[in-house]
Amino acid sequence: MPILWHLAEGPLRFGELRRRIAAISEKMPIQNLKELQADAIVTRTDHKEVPPRVDYAMTPFGHSLCTALAPLSAWGQKHVERIAACKREGEAAREKVEA
């Protein structure tokens, strides 16, 4: 989903997309972008330049997916504090067990 949200704003180069998504390895966005491209949600444009430049952009079909995901995003934003508190409680419980 983070890839979709960033590409919904407009086309991005791979490096820019990776920088915008915190704590992500290089392998995961490559795999996700290939899957999204295979599903016709994202397009990949190779500009055949030196240095290499490849842009990723959302297709109209991809934009329709973002529209469908918007309520899920709104729910997450509404409950972000509760979700964070649950994560903290879970981490504290794990630390107790490990200690």
PDB file of N, CA and C in Angstrom:
ATOM      1  N   MET A   1       0.800  -1.208   0.000  1.00  0.00           N
ATOM      2  CA  MET A   1       0.000   0.000   0.000  1.00  0.00           C
ATOM      3  C   MET A   1       0.842   1.271   0.000  1.00  0.00           C
ATOM      4  N   PRO A   2       1.971   1.302   0.720  1.00  0.00           N
ATOM      5  CA  PRO A   2       2.761   2.542   0.671  1.00  0.00           C
ATOM      6  C   PRO A   2       3.195   2.910  -0.742  1.00  0.00           C
ATOM      7  N   ILE A   3       3.512   1.918  -1.550  1.00  0.00           N
ATOM      8  CA  ILE A   3       3.904   2.196  -2.929  1.00  0.00           C
ATOM      9  C   ILE A   3       2.740   2.860  -3.666  1.00  0.00           C
ATOM     10  N   LEU A   4       1.555   2.327  -3.484  1.00  0.00           N
ATOM     11  CA  LEU A   4       0.380   2.891  -4.158  1.00  0.00           C
ATOM     12  C   LEU A   4       0.125   4.331  -3.745  1.00  0.00           C
ATOM     13  N   TRP A   5       0.230   4.613  -2.451  1.00  0.00           N
ATOM     14  CA  TRP A   5      -0.041   5.975  -1.975  1.00  0.00           C
ATOM     15  C   TRP A   5       0.938   6.960  -2.580  1.00  0.00           C
ATOM     16  N   HIS A   6       2.206   6.584  -2.664  1.00  0.00           N
ATOM     17  CA  HIS A   6       3.194   7.520  -3.212  1.00  0.00           C
ATOM     18  C   HIS A   6       3.034   7.685  -4.722  1.00  0.00           C
ATOM     19  N   LEU A   7       2.747   6.601  -5.424  1.00  0.00           N
ATOM     20  CA  LEU A   7       2.569   6.714  -6.874  1.00  0.00           C
ATOM     21  C   LEU A   7       1.264   7.417  -7.241  1.00  0.00           C
ATOM     22  N   ALA A   8       0.301   7.423  -6.346  1.00  0.00           N
ATOM     23  CA  ALA A   8      -0.953   8.136  -6.616  1.00  0.00           C
ATOM     24  C   ALA A   8      -0.705   9.632  -6.770  1.00  0.00           C
ATOM     25  N   GLU A   9       0.379  10.125  -6.162  1.00  0.00           N
ATOM     26  CA  GLU A   9       0.730  11.548  -6.260  1.00  0.00           C
ATOM     27  C   GLU A   9       1.352  11.892  -7.610  1.00  0.00           C
ATOM     28  N   GLY A  10       1.870  10.887  -8.321  1.00  0.00           N
ATOM     29  CA  GLY A  10       2.498  11.107  -9.619  1.00  0.00           C
ATOM     30  C   GLY A  10       3.645  10.146  -9.831  1.00  0.00           C
ATOM     31  N   PRO A  11       4.186  10.100 -11.049  1.00  0.00           N
ATOM     32  CA  PRO A  11       5.277   9.179 -11.365  1.00  0.00           C
ATOM     33  C   PRO A  11       6.510   9.442 -10.495  1.00  0.00           C
ATOM     34  N   LEU A  12       7.211   8.362 -10.169  1.00  0.00           N
ATOM     35  CA  LEU A  12       8.433   8.460  -9.371  1.00  0.00           C
ATOM     36  C   LEU A  12       9.493   7.509  -9.903  1.00  0.00           C
ATOM     37  N   ARG A  13      10.734   7.917  -9.748  1.00  0.00           N
ATOM     38  CA  ARG A  13      11.841   7.010 -10.019  1.00  0.00           C
ATOM     39  C   ARG A  13      11.961   6.040  -8.856  1.00  0.00           C
ATOM     40  N   PHE A  14      12.573   4.885  -9.099  1.00  0.00           N
ATOM     41  CA  PHE A  14      12.681   3.859  -8.074  1.00  0.00           C
ATOM     42  C   PHE A  14      13.357   4.388  -6.813  1.00  0.00           C
ATOM     43  N   GLY A  15      14.487   5.084  -6.967  1.00  0.00           N
ATOM     44  CA  GLY A  15      15.216   5.591  -5.801  1.00  0.00           C
ATOM     45  C   GLY A  15      14.390   6.550  -4.963  1.00  0.00           C
ATOM     46  N   GLU A  16      13.634   7.410  -5.614  1.00  0.00           N
ATOM     47  CA  GLU A  16      12.779   8.358  -4.893  1.00  0.00           C
ATOM     48  C   GLU A  16      11.677   7.621  -4.143  1.00  0.00           C
ATOM     49  N   LEU A  17      11.096   6.640  -4.790  1.00  0.00           N
ATOM     50  CA  LEU A  17      10.051   5.843  -4.152  1.00  0.00           C
ATOM     51  C   LEU A  17      10.604   5.126  -2.927  1.00  0.00           C
ATOM     52  N   ARG A  18      11.767   4.555  -3.054  1.00  0.00           N
ATOM     53  CA  ARG A  18      12.395   3.837  -1.939  1.00  0.00           C
ATOM     54  C   ARG A  18      12.707   4.772  -0.774  1.00  0.00           C
ATOM     55  N   ARG A  19      13.167   5.974  -1.074  1.00  0.00           N
ATOM     56  CA  ARG A  19      13.461   6.951  -0.013  1.00  0.00           C
ATOM     57  C   ARG A  19      12.197   7.382   0.733  1.00  0.00           C
ATOM     58  N   ARG A  20      11.095   7.442   0.035  1.00  0.00           N
ATOM     59  CA  ARG A  20       9.846   7.881   0.661  1.00  0.00           C
ATOM     60  C   ARG A  20       9.239   6.834   1.587  1.00  0.00           C
ATOM     61  N   ILE A  21       9.613   5.585   1.386  1.00  0.00           N
ATOM     62  CA  ILE A  21       9.062   4.505   2.208  1.00  0.00           C
ATOM     63  C   ILE A  21      10.113   4.121   3.245  1.00  0.00           C
ATOM     64  N   ALA A  22       9.832   4.437   4.503  1.00  0.00           N
ATOM     65  CA  ALA A  22      10.791   4.201   5.589  1.00  0.00           C
ATOM     66  C   ALA A  22      10.955   2.708   5.851  1.00  0.00           C
ATOM     67  N   ALA A  23      12.157   2.353   6.263  1.00  0.00           N
ATOM     68  CA  ALA A  23      12.473   0.997   6.726  1.00  0.00           C
ATOM     69  C   ALA A  23      12.062  -0.072   5.718  1.00  0.00           C
ATOM     70  N   ILE A  24      12.548   0.057   4.498  1.00  0.00           N
ATOM     71  CA  ILE A  24      12.210  -0.931   3.477  1.00  0.00           C
ATOM     72  C   ILE A  24      13.499  -1.376   2.787  1.00  0.00           C
ATOM     73  N   SER A  25      13.612  -2.657   2.534  1.00  0.00           N
ATOM     74  CA  SER A  25      14.785  -3.171   1.838  1.00  0.00           C
ATOM     75  C   SER A  25      14.653  -2.865   0.347  1.00  0.00           C
ATOM     76  N   GLU A  26      15.706  -3.087  -0.405  1.00  0.00           N
ATOM     77  CA  GLU A  26      15.637  -2.838  -1.842  1.00  0.00           C
ATOM     78  C   GLU A  26      14.840  -3.934  -2.544  1.00  0.00           C
ATOM     79  N   LYS A  27      14.882  -5.143  -2.001  1.00  0.00           N
ATOM     80  CA  LYS A  27      14.230  -6.284  -2.637  1.00  0.00           C
ATOM     81  C   LYS A  27      12.707  -6.160  -2.639  1.00  0.00           C
ATOM     82  N   MET A  28      12.130  -5.725  -1.532  1.00  0.00           N
ATOM     83  CA  MET A  28      10.669  -5.701  -1.419  1.00  0.00           C
ATOM     84  C   MET A  28       9.995  -4.765  -2.424  1.00  0.00           C
ATOM     85  N   PRO A  29      10.432  -3.523  -2.578  1.00  0.00           N
ATOM     86  CA  PRO A  29       9.733  -2.689  -3.570  1.00  0.00           C
ATOM     87  C   PRO A  29       9.910  -3.209  -4.991  1.00  0.00           C
ATOM     88  N   ILE A  30      11.051  -3.820  -5.292  1.00  0.00           N
ATOM     89  CA  ILE A  30      11.253  -4.380  -6.630  1.00  0.00           C
ATOM     90  C   ILE A  30      10.226  -5.481  -6.887  1.00  0.00           C
ATOM     91  N   GLN A  31      10.080  -6.394  -5.924  1.00  0.00           N
ATOM     92  CA  GLN A  31       9.089  -7.469  -6.066  1.00  0.00           C
ATOM     93  C   GLN A  31       7.675  -6.910  -6.176  1.00  0.00           C
ATOM     94  N   ASN A  32       7.342  -5.971  -5.292  1.00  0.00           N
ATOM     95  CA  ASN A  32       5.998  -5.391  -5.301  1.00  0.00           C
ATOM     96  C   ASN A  32       5.711  -4.652  -6.598  1.00  0.00           C
ATOM     97  N   LEU A  33       6.682  -3.891  -7.087  1.00  0.00           N
ATOM     98  CA  LEU A  33       6.477  -3.154  -8.332  1.00  0.00           C
ATOM     99  C   LEU A  33       6.281  -4.109  -9.508  1.00  0.00           C
ATOM    100  N   LYS A  34       7.015  -5.222  -9.538  1.00  0.00           N
ATOM    101  CA  LYS A  34       6.834  -6.209 -10.608  1.00  0.00           C
ATOM    102  C   LYS A  34       5.429  -6.800 -10.562  1.00  0.00           C
ATOM    103  N   GLU A  35       4.946  -7.105  -9.361  1.00  0.00           N
ATOM    104  CA  GLU A  35       3.592  -7.648  -9.215  1.00  0.00           C
ATOM    105  C   GLU A  35       2.540  -6.623  -9.627  1.00  0.00           C
ATOM    106  N   LEU A  36       2.726  -5.383  -9.192  1.00  0.00           N
ATOM    107  CA  LEU A  36       1.774  -4.322  -9.546  1.00  0.00           C
ATOM    108  C   LEU A  36       1.768  -4.071 -11.052  1.00  0.00           C
ATOM    109  N   GLN A  37       2.931  -4.176 -11.669  1.00  0.00           N
ATOM    110  CA  GLN A  37       3.029  -4.005 -13.115  1.00  0.00           C
ATOM    111  C   GLN A  37       2.332  -5.170 -13.830  1.00  0.00           C
ATOM    112  N   ALA A  38       2.537  -6.381 -13.357  1.00  0.00           N
ATOM    113  CA  ALA A  38       1.893  -7.552 -13.958  1.00  0.00           C
ATOM    114  C   ALA A  38       0.372  -7.474 -13.842  1.00  0.00           C
ATOM    115  N   ASP A  39      -0.114  -6.828 -12.787  1.00  0.00           N
ATOM    116  CA  ASP A  39      -1.555  -6.673 -12.572  1.00  0.00           C
ATOM    117  C   ASP A  39      -2.126  -5.421 -13.235  1.00  0.00           C
ATOM    118  N   ALA A  40      -1.303  -4.709 -14.000  1.00  0.00           N
ATOM    119  CA  ALA A  40      -1.714  -3.495 -14.725  1.00  0.00           C
ATOM    120  C   ALA A  40      -2.138  -2.373 -13.788  1.00  0.00           C
ATOM    121  N   ILE A  41      -1.561  -2.347 -12.592  1.00  0.00           N
ATOM    122  CA  ILE A  41      -1.845  -1.287 -11.625  1.00  0.00           C
ATOM    123  C   ILE A  41      -0.810  -0.172 -11.751  1.00  0.00           C
ATOM    124  N   VAL A  42       0.407  -0.552 -12.154  1.00  0.00           N
ATOM    125  CA  VAL A  42       1.530   0.377 -12.286  1.00  0.00           C
ATOM    126  C   VAL A  42       2.178   0.165 -13.653  1.00  0.00           C
ATOM    127  N   THR A  43       2.668   1.252 -14.231  1.00  0.00           N
ATOM    128  CA  THR A  43       3.456   1.145 -15.459  1.00  0.00           C
ATOM    129  C   THR A  43       4.911   1.454 -15.145  1.00  0.00           C
ATOM    130  N   ARG A  44       5.795   0.874 -15.935  1.00  0.00           N
ATOM    131  CA  ARG A  44       7.234   1.094 -15.798  1.00  0.00           C
ATOM    132  C   ARG A  44       7.714   1.664 -17.129  1.00  0.00           C
ATOM    133  N   THR A  45       8.377   2.835 -17.073  1.00  0.00           N
ATOM    134  CA  THR A  45       8.890   3.468 -18.277  1.00  0.00           C
ATOM    135  C   THR A  45      10.405   3.562 -18.174  1.00  0.00           C
ATOM    136  N   ASP A  46      11.091   2.867 -19.080  1.00  0.00           N
ATOM    137  CA  ASP A  46      12.555   2.911 -19.150  1.00  0.00           C
ATOM    138  C   ASP A  46      12.914   3.969 -20.192  1.00  0.00           C
ATOM    139  N   HIS A  47      13.594   5.027 -19.747  1.00  0.00           N
ATOM    140  CA  HIS A  47      13.895   6.155 -20.635  1.00  0.00           C
ATOM    141  C   HIS A  47      15.150   5.949 -21.462  1.00  0.00           C
ATOM    142  N   LYS A  48      15.820   4.810 -21.302  1.00  0.00           N
ATOM    143  CA  LYS A  48      17.010   4.465 -22.105  1.00  0.00           C
ATOM    144  C   LYS A  48      18.042   5.591 -22.088  1.00  0.00           C
ATOM    145  N   GLU A  49      18.349   6.076 -20.890  1.00  0.00           N
ATOM    146  CA  GLU A  49      19.321   7.154 -20.722  1.00  0.00           C
ATOM    147  C   GLU A  49      20.520   6.643 -19.936  1.00  0.00           C
ATOM    148  N   VAL A  50      21.583   7.418 -19.977  1.00  0.00           N
ATOM    149  CA  VAL A  50      22.754   7.166 -19.133  1.00  0.00           C
ATOM    150  C   VAL A  50      22.933   8.405 -18.279  1.00  0.00           C
ATOM    151  N   PRO A  51      22.896   8.285 -16.947  1.00  0.00           N
ATOM    152  CA  PRO A  51      22.640   7.071 -16.180  1.00  0.00           C
ATOM    153  C   PRO A  51      21.203   6.605 -16.386  1.00  0.00           C
ATOM    154  N   PRO A  52      20.957   5.311 -16.105  1.00  0.00           N
ATOM    155  CA  PRO A  52      19.622   4.765 -16.326  1.00  0.00           C
ATOM    156  C   PRO A  52      18.550   5.520 -15.551  1.00  0.00           C
ATOM    157  N   ARG A  53      17.399   5.696 -16.203  1.00  0.00           N
ATOM    158  CA  ARG A  53      16.269   6.348 -15.543  1.00  0.00           C
ATOM    159  C   ARG A  53      15.008   5.557 -15.861  1.00  0.00           C
ATOM    160  N   VAL A  54      14.376   5.072 -14.811  1.00  0.00           N
ATOM    161  CA  VAL A  54      13.132   4.316 -14.927  1.00  0.00           C
ATOM    162  C   VAL A  54      12.110   4.980 -14.022  1.00  0.00           C
ATOM    163  N   ASP A  55      10.942   5.260 -14.573  1.00  0.00           N
ATOM    164  CA  ASP A  55       9.847   5.852 -13.804  1.00  0.00           C
ATOM    165  C   ASP A  55       8.737   4.826 -13.627  1.00  0.00           C
ATOM    166  N   TYR A  56       8.083   4.911 -12.488  1.00  0.00           N
ATOM    167  CA  TYR A  56       6.897   4.108 -12.217  1.00  0.00           C
ATOM    168  C   TYR A  56       5.731   5.061 -12.055  1.00  0.00           C
ATOM    169  N   ALA A  57       4.594   4.670 -12.614  1.00  0.00           N
ATOM    170  CA  ALA A  57       3.406   5.526 -12.535  1.00  0.00           C
ATOM    171  C   ALA A  57       2.163   4.649 -12.362  1.00  0.00           C
ATOM    172  N   MET A  58       1.153   5.242 -11.796  1.00  0.00           N
ATOM    173  CA  MET A  58      -0.111   4.563 -11.577  1.00  0.00           C
ATOM    174  C   MET A  58      -0.926   4.571 -12.872  1.00  0.00           C
ATOM    175  N   THR A  59      -1.546   3.461 -13.199  1.00  0.00           N
ATOM    176  CA  THR A  59      -2.464   3.393 -14.335  1.00  0.00           C
ATOM    177  C   THR A  59      -3.848   3.864 -13.866  1.00  0.00           C
ATOM    178  N   PRO A  60      -4.750   4.131 -14.789  1.00  0.00           N
ATOM    179  CA  PRO A  60      -6.124   4.455 -14.360  1.00  0.00           C
ATOM    180  C   PRO A  60      -6.732   3.333 -13.499  1.00  0.00           C
ATOM    181  N   PHE A  61      -6.433   2.086 -13.858  1.00  0.00           N
ATOM    182  CA  PHE A  61      -6.892   0.945 -13.055  1.00  0.00           C
ATOM    183  C   PHE A  61      -6.315   1.024 -11.646  1.00  0.00           C
ATOM    184  N   GLY A  62      -5.033   1.414 -11.531  1.00  0.00           N
ATOM    185  CA  GLY A  62      -4.397   1.579 -10.230  1.00  0.00           C
ATOM    186  C   GLY A  62      -5.037   2.691  -9.423  1.00  0.00           C
ATOM    187  N   HIS A  63      -5.367   3.785 -10.078  1.00  0.00           N
ATOM    188  CA  HIS A  63      -6.040   4.890  -9.374  1.00  0.00           C
ATOM    189  C   HIS A  63      -7.392   4.439  -8.820  1.00  0.00           C
ATOM    190  N   SER A  64      -8.075   3.563  -9.555  1.00  0.00           N
ATOM    191  CA  SER A  64      -9.362   3.070  -9.049  1.00  0.00           C
ATOM    192  C   SER A  64      -9.144   2.219  -7.796  1.00  0.00           C
ATOM    193  N   LEU A  65      -8.028   1.508  -7.724  1.00  0.00           N
ATOM    194  CA  LEU A  65      -7.706   0.741  -6.517  1.00  0.00           C
ATOM    195  C   LEU A  65      -7.459   1.682  -5.348  1.00  0.00           C
ATOM    196  N   CYS A  66      -6.739   2.768  -5.577  1.00  0.00           N
ATOM    197  CA  CYS A  66      -6.495   3.740  -4.505  1.00  0.00           C
ATOM    198  C   CYS A  66      -7.803   4.334  -3.990  1.00  0.00           C
ATOM    199  N   THR A  67      -8.732   4.565  -4.896  1.00  0.00           N
ATOM    200  CA  THR A  67     -10.043   5.065  -4.479  1.00  0.00           C
ATOM    201  C   THR A  67     -10.729   4.053  -3.570  1.00  0.00           C
ATOM    202  N   ALA A  68     -10.600   2.783  -3.910  1.00  0.00           N
ATOM    203  CA  ALA A  68     -11.212   1.735  -3.089  1.00  0.00           C
ATOM    204  C   ALA A  68     -10.518   1.597  -1.739  1.00  0.00           C
ATOM    205  N   LEU A  69      -9.217   1.878  -1.677  1.00  0.00           N
ATOM    206  CA  LEU A  69      -8.454   1.747  -0.431  1.00  0.00           C
ATOM    207  C   LEU A  69      -8.556   2.974   0.470  1.00  0.00           C
ATOM    208  N   ALA A  70      -9.079   4.073  -0.037  1.00  0.00           N
ATOM    209  CA  ALA A  70      -9.155   5.309   0.746  1.00  0.00           C
ATOM    210  C   ALA A  70      -9.901   5.128   2.069  1.00  0.00           C
ATOM    211  N   PRO A  71     -11.030   4.409   2.115  1.00  0.00           N
ATOM    212  CA  PRO A  71     -11.698   4.220   3.419  1.00  0.00           C
ATOM    213  C   PRO A  71     -10.827   3.460   4.425  1.00  0.00           C
ATOM    214  N   LEU A  72     -10.044   2.503   3.958  1.00  0.00           N
ATOM    215  CA  LEU A  72      -9.130   1.780   4.845  1.00  0.00           C
ATOM    216  C   LEU A  72      -8.077   2.720   5.407  1.00  0.00           C
ATOM    217  N   SER A  73      -7.568   3.600   4.575  1.00  0.00           N
ATOM    218  CA  SER A  73      -6.599   4.591   5.034  1.00  0.00           C
ATOM    219  C   SER A  73      -7.217   5.527   6.065  1.00  0.00           C
ATOM    220  N   ALA A  74      -8.436   5.967   5.811  1.00  0.00           N
ATOM    221  CA  ALA A  74      -9.120   6.858   6.758  1.00  0.00           C
ATOM    222  C   ALA A  74      -9.317   6.153   8.096  1.00  0.00           C
ATOM    223  N   TRP A  75      -9.668   4.869   8.061  1.00  0.00           N
ATOM    224  CA  TRP A  75      -9.823   4.099   9.298  1.00  0.00           C
ATOM    225  C   TRP A  75      -8.498   4.050  10.059  1.00  0.00           C
ATOM    226  N   GLY A  76      -7.407   3.782   9.346  1.00  0.00           N
ATOM    227  CA  GLY A  76      -6.096   3.724   9.989  1.00  0.00           C
ATOM    228  C   GLY A  76      -5.699   5.048  10.610  1.00  0.00           C
ATOM    229  N   GLN A  77      -5.964   6.143   9.924  1.00  0.00           N
ATOM    230  CA  GLN A  77      -5.643   7.460  10.467  1.00  0.00           C
ATOM    231  C   GLN A  77      -6.480   7.768  11.701  1.00  0.00           C
ATOM    232  N   LYS A  78      -7.732   7.345  11.678  1.00  0.00           N
ATOM    233  CA  LYS A  78      -8.617   7.590  12.817  1.00  0.00           C
ATOM    234  C   LYS A  78      -8.156   6.818  14.055  1.00  0.00           C
ATOM    235  N   HIS A  79      -7.592   5.633  13.846  1.00  0.00           N
ATOM    236  CA  HIS A  79      -7.242   4.745  14.960  1.00  0.00           C
ATOM    237  C   HIS A  79      -5.735   4.595  15.173  1.00  0.00           C
ATOM    238  N   VAL A  80      -4.936   5.478  14.619  1.00  0.00           N
ATOM    239  CA  VAL A  80      -3.476   5.341  14.680  1.00  0.00           C
ATOM    240  C   VAL A  80      -2.960   5.296  16.117  1.00  0.00           C
ATOM    241  N   GLU A  81      -3.523   6.090  16.994  1.00  0.00           N
ATOM    242  CA  GLU A  81      -3.058   6.096  18.386  1.00  0.00           C
ATOM    243  C   GLU A  81      -3.380   4.775  19.077  1.00  0.00           C
ATOM    244  N   ARG A  82      -4.567   4.259  18.849  1.00  0.00           N
ATOM    245  CA  ARG A  82      -4.954   2.981  19.456  1.00  0.00           C
ATOM    246  C   ARG A  82      -4.070   1.849  18.931  1.00  0.00           C
ATOM    247  N   ILE A  83      -3.799   1.842  17.640  1.00  0.00           N
ATOM    248  CA  ILE A  83      -2.941   0.814  17.041  1.00  0.00           C
ATOM    249  C   ILE A  83      -1.537   0.881  17.644  1.00  0.00           C
ATOM    250  N   ALA A  84      -0.995   2.088  17.772  1.00  0.00           N
ATOM    251  CA  ALA A  84       0.341   2.262  18.358  1.00  0.00           C
ATOM    252  C   ALA A  84       0.365   1.775  19.803  1.00  0.00           C
ATOM    253  N   ALA A  85      -0.690   2.064  20.564  1.00  0.00           N
ATOM    254  CA  ALA A  85      -0.760   1.623  21.961  1.00  0.00           C
ATOM    255  C   ALA A  85      -0.787   0.097  22.038  1.00  0.00           C
ATOM    256  N   CYS A  86      -1.532  -0.546  21.164  1.00  0.00           N
ATOM    257  CA  CYS A  86      -1.574  -2.010  21.138  1.00  0.00           C
ATOM    258  C   CYS A  86      -0.198  -2.593  20.812  1.00  0.00           C
ATOM    259  N   LYS A  87       0.501  -1.970  19.882  1.00  0.00           N
ATOM    260  CA  LYS A  87       1.850  -2.436  19.549  1.00  0.00           C
ATOM    261  C   LYS A  87       2.778  -2.306  20.748  1.00  0.00           C
ATOM    262  N   ARG A  88       2.695  -1.177  21.438  1.00  0.00           N
ATOM    263  CA  ARG A  88       3.547  -0.979  22.621  1.00  0.00           C
ATOM    264  C   ARG A  88       3.240  -2.018  23.696  1.00  0.00           C
ATOM    265  N   GLU A  89       1.957  -2.304  23.917  1.00  0.00           N
ATOM    266  CA  GLU A  89       1.557  -3.306  24.910  1.00  0.00           C
ATOM    267  C   GLU A  89       2.082  -4.687  24.525  1.00  0.00           C
ATOM    268  N   GLY A  90       1.993  -5.016  23.258  1.00  0.00           N
ATOM    269  CA  GLY A  90       2.496  -6.312  22.785  1.00  0.00           C
ATOM    270  C   GLY A  90       3.993  -6.432  22.948  1.00  0.00           C
ATOM    271  N   GLU A  91       4.725  -5.361  22.645  1.00  0.00           N
ATOM    272  CA  GLU A  91       6.181  -5.359  22.810  1.00  0.00           C
ATOM    273  C   GLU A  91       6.561  -5.502  24.279  1.00  0.00           C
ATOM    274  N   ALA A  92       5.838  -4.796  25.143  1.00  0.00           N
ATOM    275  CA  ALA A  92       6.119  -4.883  26.590  1.00  0.00           C
ATOM    276  C   ALA A  92       5.861  -6.297  27.094  1.00  0.00           C
ATOM    277  N   ALA A  93       4.809  -6.925  26.632  1.00  0.00           N
ATOM    278  CA  ALA A  93       4.491  -8.292  27.059  1.00  0.00           C
ATOM    279  C   ALA A  93       5.564  -9.261  26.592  1.00  0.00           C
ATOM    280  N   ARG A  94       6.063  -9.087  25.366  1.00  0.00           N
ATOM    281  CA  ARG A  94       7.140  -9.954  24.853  1.00  0.00           C
ATOM    282  C   ARG A  94       8.415  -9.782  25.644  1.00  0.00           C
ATOM    283  N   GLU A  95       8.717  -8.533  26.002  1.00  0.00           N
ATOM    284  CA  GLU A  95       9.919  -8.261  26.796  1.00  0.00           C
ATOM    285  C   GLU A  95       9.827  -8.935  28.160  1.00  0.00           C
ATOM    286  N   LYS A  96       8.650  -8.950  28.781  1.00  0.00           N
ATOM    287  CA  LYS A  96       8.456  -9.607  30.062  1.00  0.00           C
ATOM    288  C   LYS A  96       8.711 -11.105  29.944  1.00  0.00           C
ATOM    289  N   VAL A  97       8.200 -11.701  28.889  1.00  0.00           N
ATOM    290  CA  VAL A  97       8.363 -13.146  28.671  1.00  0.00           C
ATOM    291  C   VAL A  97       9.826 -13.484  28.445  1.00  0.00           C
ATOM    292  N   GLU A  98      10.525 -12.654  27.683  1.00  0.00           N
ATOM    293  CA  GLU A  98      11.931 -12.899  27.372  1.00  0.00           C
ATOM    294  C   GLU A  98      12.853 -12.656  28.562  1.00  0.00           C
ATOM    295  N   ALA A  99      12.413 -11.847  29.510  1.00  0.00           N
ATOM    296  CA  ALA A  99      13.258 -11.493  30.661  1.00  0.00           C
ATOM    297  C   ALA A  99      13.301 -12.565  31.708  1.00  0.00           C
TER     298      ALA A  99
END
